[in-house]
Amino acid sequence: MVFYWPDTEESVEFFELVGTQWRTGVNGCIGLDYPAIYPLMERLKLSEEHWARLFCDLRILEDEALAAMHEKNE
């Protein structure tokens, strides 16, 4: 079970939605496939500010997920 602050719910849910959109290399995941994610974000019809905030949150979640994945491999 994952616990998070209520004000991050939208970002966490979106991160879970795009959880199949990872780019991989020979050492595993290297980052999210943004060209696959942008159309999903556009469909949400968010304001520019809201879009930017969601994308920023997504990048933070991506960085933390990558750190956790690479930690397991060490």
Protein backbone atom coordinates (compact mmCIF):
# COMPACT_ATOMS: atom_id res chain seq x y z
CA MET A 1 0.00 0.00 0.00
CA VAL A 2 1.26 3.46 -0.91
CA PHE A 3 0.69 6.43 1.35
CA TYR A 4 0.82 10.00 0.09
CA TRP A 5 -0.46 13.45 0.96
CA PRO A 6 -4.04 14.10 -0.25
CA ASP A 7 -2.92 17.12 -2.29
CA THR A 8 -0.66 14.86 -4.36
CA GLU A 9 -3.42 12.40 -5.25
CA GLU A 10 -3.81 13.59 -8.84
CA SER A 11 -0.08 13.37 -9.51
CA VAL A 12 0.28 9.93 -7.94
CA GLU A 13 -2.72 8.60 -9.87
CA PHE A 14 -1.34 9.99 -13.14
CA PHE A 15 2.06 8.45 -12.39
CA GLU A 16 0.36 5.09 -11.84
CA LEU A 17 -1.56 5.55 -15.11
CA VAL A 18 1.65 6.00 -17.12
CA GLY A 19 3.45 3.24 -15.25
CA THR A 20 3.76 1.18 -18.44
CA GLN A 21 5.52 3.98 -20.34
CA TRP A 22 9.12 3.44 -19.23
CA ARG A 23 12.05 3.60 -21.61
CA THR A 24 14.58 0.91 -20.93
CA GLY A 25 18.24 0.32 -21.68
CA VAL A 26 20.61 -2.54 -21.02
CA ASN A 27 20.65 -1.69 -17.30
CA GLY A 28 16.88 -1.36 -16.89
CA CYS A 29 14.62 1.68 -16.84
CA ILE A 30 16.16 4.99 -17.84
CA GLY A 31 13.11 7.27 -17.69
CA LEU A 32 9.54 7.77 -18.77
CA ASP A 33 8.68 7.93 -22.46
CA TYR A 34 7.47 11.53 -22.63
CA PRO A 35 6.21 11.38 -26.24
CA ALA A 36 3.79 8.68 -25.08
CA ILE A 37 2.76 10.67 -22.00
CA TYR A 38 2.17 14.10 -23.55
CA PRO A 39 -1.02 13.06 -25.41
CA LEU A 40 -2.48 11.70 -22.18
CA MET A 41 -1.72 14.97 -20.42
CA GLU A 42 -3.23 16.98 -23.28
CA ARG A 43 -6.47 14.99 -23.03
CA LEU A 44 -6.88 16.26 -19.47
CA LYS A 45 -7.37 19.79 -20.91
CA LEU A 46 -5.54 21.44 -18.01
CA SER A 47 -4.61 25.08 -17.77
CA GLU A 48 -0.95 25.82 -18.55
CA GLU A 49 -0.18 26.27 -14.86
CA HIS A 50 -1.92 23.03 -13.88
CA TRP A 51 -0.22 21.13 -16.72
CA ALA A 52 3.19 22.45 -15.65
CA ARG A 53 2.56 21.52 -12.01
CA LEU A 54 1.45 17.98 -12.94
CA PHE A 55 4.47 17.54 -15.21
CA CYS A 56 6.82 18.78 -12.49
CA ASP A 57 5.28 16.33 -10.01
CA LEU A 58 5.57 13.54 -12.57
CA ARG A 59 9.29 14.24 -12.99
CA ILE A 60 9.82 14.16 -9.22
CA LEU A 61 8.02 10.82 -8.99
CA GLU A 62 10.02 9.53 -11.95
CA ASP A 63 13.33 10.53 -10.32
CA GLU A 64 12.38 8.84 -7.06
CA ALA A 65 11.20 5.69 -8.84
CA LEU A 66 14.43 5.50 -10.84
CA ALA A 67 16.49 5.93 -7.67
CA ALA A 68 14.55 3.10 -6.01
CA MET A 69 14.92 0.84 -9.06
CA HIS A 70 18.66 1.42 -9.36
CA GLU A 71 19.13 1.00 -5.61
CA LYS A 72 17.67 -2.50 -5.87
CA ASN A 73 20.12 -3.34 -8.66
CA GLU A 74 23.22 -2.30 -6.68
